[in-house]
Amino acid sequence: MTDKRNVRIGKLTTVLEVAAELGRVYRDARHEKIDSAFASRLANILAVMRQCLETAEFEKRIADIERAVGRPDAAAITAFKPRIV
């Protein structure tokens, strides 16, 4: 098992970055660099992060559409920029 303090974690601000990290977790588990139970916990956390990012993106898109059709209260949602990690 690798020393957790020496593992570099990249940015996790997009679904693609989260998916790439999930791939690294999978490879590390397959090569027995990390314990499968630990990999499972990380995968669950990454899945929740992915869902949060997807939801934030959908909310932004809906707000953009609502603003385009003239709904004034949509501007407050558009200003939201999620930052996970």
N, C-alpha and C. Protein backbone atom coordinates (compact mmCIF):
# COMPACT_ATOMS: atom_id res chain seq x y z
N MET A 1 0.85 -1.18 0.00
CA MET A 1 0.00 0.00 0.00
C MET A 1 0.89 1.24 0.00
N THR A 2 0.49 2.24 -0.77
CA THR A 2 1.29 3.46 -0.84
C THR A 2 1.06 4.31 0.39
N ASP A 3 2.04 5.14 0.67
CA ASP A 3 1.92 6.11 1.76
C ASP A 3 0.99 7.20 1.27
N LYS A 4 -0.16 7.38 1.94
CA LYS A 4 -1.18 8.33 1.50
C LYS A 4 -0.68 9.76 1.47
N ARG A 5 0.32 10.07 2.27
CA ARG A 5 0.82 11.45 2.30
C ARG A 5 1.60 11.81 1.05
N ASN A 6 2.08 10.83 0.30
CA ASN A 6 2.88 11.10 -0.89
C ASN A 6 2.08 11.03 -2.20
N VAL A 7 0.78 10.89 -2.10
CA VAL A 7 -0.05 10.79 -3.30
C VAL A 7 -0.50 12.19 -3.70
N ARG A 8 -0.20 12.54 -4.95
CA ARG A 8 -0.59 13.86 -5.47
C ARG A 8 -2.01 13.76 -6.00
N ILE A 9 -2.84 14.69 -5.57
CA ILE A 9 -4.23 14.74 -6.02
C ILE A 9 -4.38 15.98 -6.90
N GLY A 10 -4.83 15.76 -8.11
CA GLY A 10 -5.03 16.88 -9.02
C GLY A 10 -6.31 17.62 -8.73
N LYS A 11 -6.59 18.61 -9.56
CA LYS A 11 -7.84 19.37 -9.42
C LYS A 11 -9.02 18.43 -9.68
N LEU A 12 -10.08 18.64 -8.94
CA LEU A 12 -11.29 17.84 -9.13
C LEU A 12 -12.48 18.79 -9.28
N THR A 13 -12.41 19.63 -10.30
CA THR A 13 -13.44 20.64 -10.49
C THR A 13 -14.32 20.39 -11.70
N THR A 14 -14.06 19.33 -12.45
CA THR A 14 -14.90 18.96 -13.58
C THR A 14 -15.20 17.47 -13.51
N VAL A 15 -16.25 17.06 -14.20
CA VAL A 15 -16.60 15.64 -14.23
C VAL A 15 -15.46 14.84 -14.84
N LEU A 16 -14.80 15.38 -15.86
CA LEU A 16 -13.69 14.66 -16.49
C LEU A 16 -12.52 14.46 -15.52
N GLU A 17 -12.23 15.46 -14.71
CA GLU A 17 -11.15 15.34 -13.73
C GLU A 17 -11.50 14.31 -12.66
N VAL A 18 -12.75 14.29 -12.25
CA VAL A 18 -13.19 13.30 -11.26
C VAL A 18 -13.12 11.90 -11.87
N ALA A 19 -13.52 11.76 -13.12
CA ALA A 19 -13.46 10.46 -13.80
C ALA A 19 -12.01 9.99 -13.94
N ALA A 20 -11.12 10.90 -14.23
CA ALA A 20 -9.70 10.53 -14.34
C ALA A 20 -9.17 10.06 -12.99
N GLU A 21 -9.55 10.74 -11.93
CA GLU A 21 -9.13 10.32 -10.58
C GLU A 21 -9.70 8.95 -10.24
N LEU A 22 -10.94 8.71 -10.63
CA LEU A 22 -11.55 7.40 -10.40
C LEU A 22 -10.77 6.32 -11.15
N GLY A 23 -10.31 6.63 -12.34
CA GLY A 23 -9.48 5.69 -13.09
C GLY A 23 -8.17 5.39 -12.37
N ARG A 24 -7.55 6.42 -11.78
CA ARG A 24 -6.32 6.21 -11.02
C ARG A 24 -6.56 5.33 -9.80
N VAL A 25 -7.68 5.57 -9.13
CA VAL A 25 -8.03 4.74 -7.96
C VAL A 25 -8.20 3.29 -8.39
N TYR A 26 -8.90 3.09 -9.49
CA TYR A 26 -9.12 1.74 -10.01
C TYR A 26 -7.79 1.05 -10.33
N ARG A 27 -6.92 1.75 -11.06
CA ARG A 27 -5.63 1.16 -11.42
C ARG A 27 -4.79 0.84 -10.18
N ASP A 28 -4.79 1.75 -9.21
CA ASP A 28 -4.03 1.50 -7.99
C ASP A 28 -4.57 0.28 -7.24
N ALA A 29 -5.88 0.12 -7.24
CA ALA A 29 -6.47 -1.05 -6.58
C ALA A 29 -6.13 -2.32 -7.34
N ARG A 30 -6.21 -2.26 -8.66
CA ARG A 30 -5.89 -3.45 -9.48
C ARG A 30 -4.44 -3.87 -9.32
N HIS A 31 -3.54 -2.91 -9.17
CA HIS A 31 -2.12 -3.22 -8.99
C HIS A 31 -1.74 -3.39 -7.53
N GLU A 32 -2.75 -3.43 -6.67
CA GLU A 32 -2.59 -3.63 -5.23
C GLU A 32 -1.70 -2.58 -4.57
N LYS A 33 -1.75 -1.36 -5.11
CA LYS A 33 -1.05 -0.24 -4.49
C LYS A 33 -1.86 0.32 -3.33
N ILE A 34 -3.19 0.15 -3.41
CA ILE A 34 -4.06 0.54 -2.30
C ILE A 34 -5.02 -0.61 -2.02
N ASP A 35 -5.47 -0.68 -0.79
CA ASP A 35 -6.40 -1.71 -0.35
C ASP A 35 -7.74 -1.53 -1.07
N SER A 36 -8.39 -2.63 -1.42
CA SER A 36 -9.65 -2.54 -2.15
C SER A 36 -10.75 -1.86 -1.33
N ALA A 37 -10.76 -2.04 -0.02
CA ALA A 37 -11.76 -1.36 0.82
C ALA A 37 -11.53 0.15 0.80
N PHE A 38 -10.28 0.58 0.85
CA PHE A 38 -9.96 2.00 0.77
C PHE A 38 -10.33 2.54 -0.61
N ALA A 39 -10.05 1.77 -1.66
CA ALA A 39 -10.40 2.18 -3.02
C ALA A 39 -11.91 2.33 -3.15
N SER A 40 -12.66 1.45 -2.52
CA SER A 40 -14.11 1.53 -2.56
C SER A 40 -14.61 2.80 -1.90
N ARG A 41 -14.02 3.17 -0.78
CA ARG A 41 -14.42 4.42 -0.10
C ARG A 41 -14.10 5.63 -0.97
N LEU A 42 -12.93 5.63 -1.58
CA LEU A 42 -12.57 6.75 -2.47
C LEU A 42 -13.51 6.82 -3.67
N ALA A 43 -13.84 5.66 -4.23
CA ALA A 43 -14.74 5.63 -5.38
C ALA A 43 -16.11 6.19 -5.02
N ASN A 44 -16.59 5.87 -3.82
CA ASN A 44 -17.88 6.41 -3.39
C ASN A 44 -17.83 7.93 -3.25
N ILE A 45 -16.76 8.44 -2.68
CA ILE A 45 -16.60 9.89 -2.53
C ILE A 45 -16.55 10.54 -3.90
N LEU A 46 -15.79 9.95 -4.82
CA LEU A 46 -15.68 10.50 -6.17
C LEU A 46 -17.03 10.47 -6.89
N ALA A 47 -17.83 9.43 -6.65
CA ALA A 47 -19.15 9.35 -7.28
C ALA A 47 -20.04 10.48 -6.78
N VAL A 48 -19.98 10.78 -5.50
CA VAL A 48 -20.77 11.89 -4.95
C VAL A 48 -20.29 13.22 -5.52
N MET A 49 -18.97 13.39 -5.64
CA MET A 49 -18.43 14.62 -6.22
C MET A 49 -18.90 14.79 -7.66
N ARG A 50 -18.90 13.69 -8.42
CA ARG A 50 -19.36 13.74 -9.81
C ARG A 50 -20.82 14.18 -9.86
N GLN A 51 -21.64 13.61 -9.00
CA GLN A 51 -23.06 13.98 -8.98
C GLN A 51 -23.24 15.46 -8.64
N CYS A 52 -22.47 15.95 -7.69
CA CYS A 52 -22.56 17.37 -7.33
C CYS A 52 -22.18 18.26 -8.51
N LEU A 53 -21.11 17.91 -9.20
CA LEU A 53 -20.68 18.70 -10.34
C LEU A 53 -21.70 18.66 -11.47
N GLU A 54 -22.28 17.48 -11.72
CA GLU A 54 -23.30 17.37 -12.76
C GLU A 54 -24.52 18.21 -12.40
N THR A 55 -24.94 18.14 -11.16
CA THR A 55 -26.11 18.90 -10.72
C THR A 55 -25.86 20.40 -10.85
N ALA A 56 -24.69 20.84 -10.45
CA ALA A 56 -24.35 22.27 -10.57
C ALA A 56 -24.36 22.71 -12.03
N GLU A 57 -23.86 21.86 -12.91
CA GLU A 57 -23.85 22.19 -14.34
C GLU A 57 -25.27 22.26 -14.89
N PHE A 58 -26.12 21.32 -14.49
CA PHE A 58 -27.52 21.34 -14.94
C PHE A 58 -28.23 22.59 -14.43
N GLU A 59 -28.01 22.94 -13.17
CA GLU A 59 -28.63 24.14 -12.61
C GLU A 59 -28.20 25.39 -13.38
N LYS A 60 -26.93 25.46 -13.72
CA LYS A 60 -26.43 26.61 -14.48
C LYS A 60 -27.08 26.66 -15.86
N ARG A 61 -27.16 25.50 -16.51
CA ARG A 61 -27.76 25.48 -17.84
C ARG A 61 -29.24 25.87 -17.80
N ILE A 62 -29.96 25.38 -16.81
CA ILE A 62 -31.38 25.73 -16.67
C ILE A 62 -31.52 27.22 -16.41
N ALA A 63 -30.67 27.76 -15.55
CA ALA A 63 -30.73 29.20 -15.26
C ALA A 63 -30.44 30.01 -16.52
N ASP A 64 -29.48 29.56 -17.33
CA ASP A 64 -29.18 30.25 -18.58
C ASP A 64 -30.39 30.25 -19.52
N ILE A 65 -31.07 29.11 -19.59
CA ILE A 65 -32.26 29.01 -20.44
C ILE A 65 -33.37 29.91 -19.90
N GLU A 66 -33.57 29.87 -18.58
CA GLU A 66 -34.62 30.70 -17.98
C GLU A 66 -34.33 32.18 -18.19
N ARG A 67 -33.08 32.56 -18.07
CA ARG A 67 -32.72 33.96 -18.30
C ARG A 67 -32.96 34.34 -19.76
N ALA A 68 -32.67 33.41 -20.66
CA ALA A 68 -32.86 33.68 -22.09
C ALA A 68 -34.33 33.87 -22.44
N VAL A 69 -35.21 33.21 -21.70
CA VAL A 69 -36.64 33.35 -21.99
C VAL A 69 -37.30 34.40 -21.11
N GLY A 70 -36.48 35.10 -20.31
CA GLY A 70 -36.98 36.25 -19.58
C GLY A 70 -37.37 36.04 -18.14
N ARG A 71 -36.88 35.01 -17.51
CA ARG A 71 -37.18 34.82 -16.08
C ARG A 71 -36.08 35.49 -15.28
N PRO A 72 -36.35 36.60 -14.58
CA PRO A 72 -35.31 37.42 -13.95
C PRO A 72 -34.62 36.78 -12.75
N ASP A 73 -35.27 35.89 -12.00
CA ASP A 73 -34.64 35.33 -10.80
C ASP A 73 -33.61 34.26 -11.11
N ALA A 74 -33.40 33.92 -12.36
CA ALA A 74 -32.43 32.90 -12.74
C ALA A 74 -30.99 33.39 -12.60
N ALA A 75 -30.77 34.69 -12.56
CA ALA A 75 -29.42 35.23 -12.49
C ALA A 75 -28.69 34.81 -11.23
N ALA A 76 -29.38 34.62 -10.13
CA ALA A 76 -28.73 34.24 -8.87
C ALA A 76 -28.09 32.87 -8.97
N ILE A 77 -28.73 31.94 -9.67
CA ILE A 77 -28.17 30.59 -9.82
C ILE A 77 -26.97 30.62 -10.75
N THR A 78 -27.01 31.41 -11.81
CA THR A 78 -25.93 31.47 -12.77
C THR A 78 -24.62 31.92 -12.13
N ALA A 79 -24.70 32.75 -11.09
CA ALA A 79 -23.51 33.26 -10.44
C ALA A 79 -22.81 32.20 -9.60
N PHE A 80 -23.50 31.10 -9.28
CA PHE A 80 -22.93 30.04 -8.45
C PHE A 80 -21.87 29.26 -9.22
N LYS A 81 -20.68 29.15 -8.64
CA LYS A 81 -19.60 28.37 -9.24
C LYS A 81 -19.12 27.37 -8.18
N PRO A 82 -19.41 26.08 -8.35
CA PRO A 82 -19.02 25.10 -7.34
C PRO A 82 -17.51 24.94 -7.30
N ARG A 83 -17.00 24.75 -6.14
CA ARG A 83 -15.57 24.47 -5.97
C ARG A 83 -15.46 23.36 -4.95
N ILE A 84 -15.20 22.19 -5.45
CA ILE A 84 -15.05 21.03 -4.58
C ILE A 84 -13.57 20.77 -4.41
N VAL A 85 -13.16 20.62 -3.22
CA VAL A 85 -11.78 20.35 -2.80
C VAL A 85 -10.99 21.61 -2.66
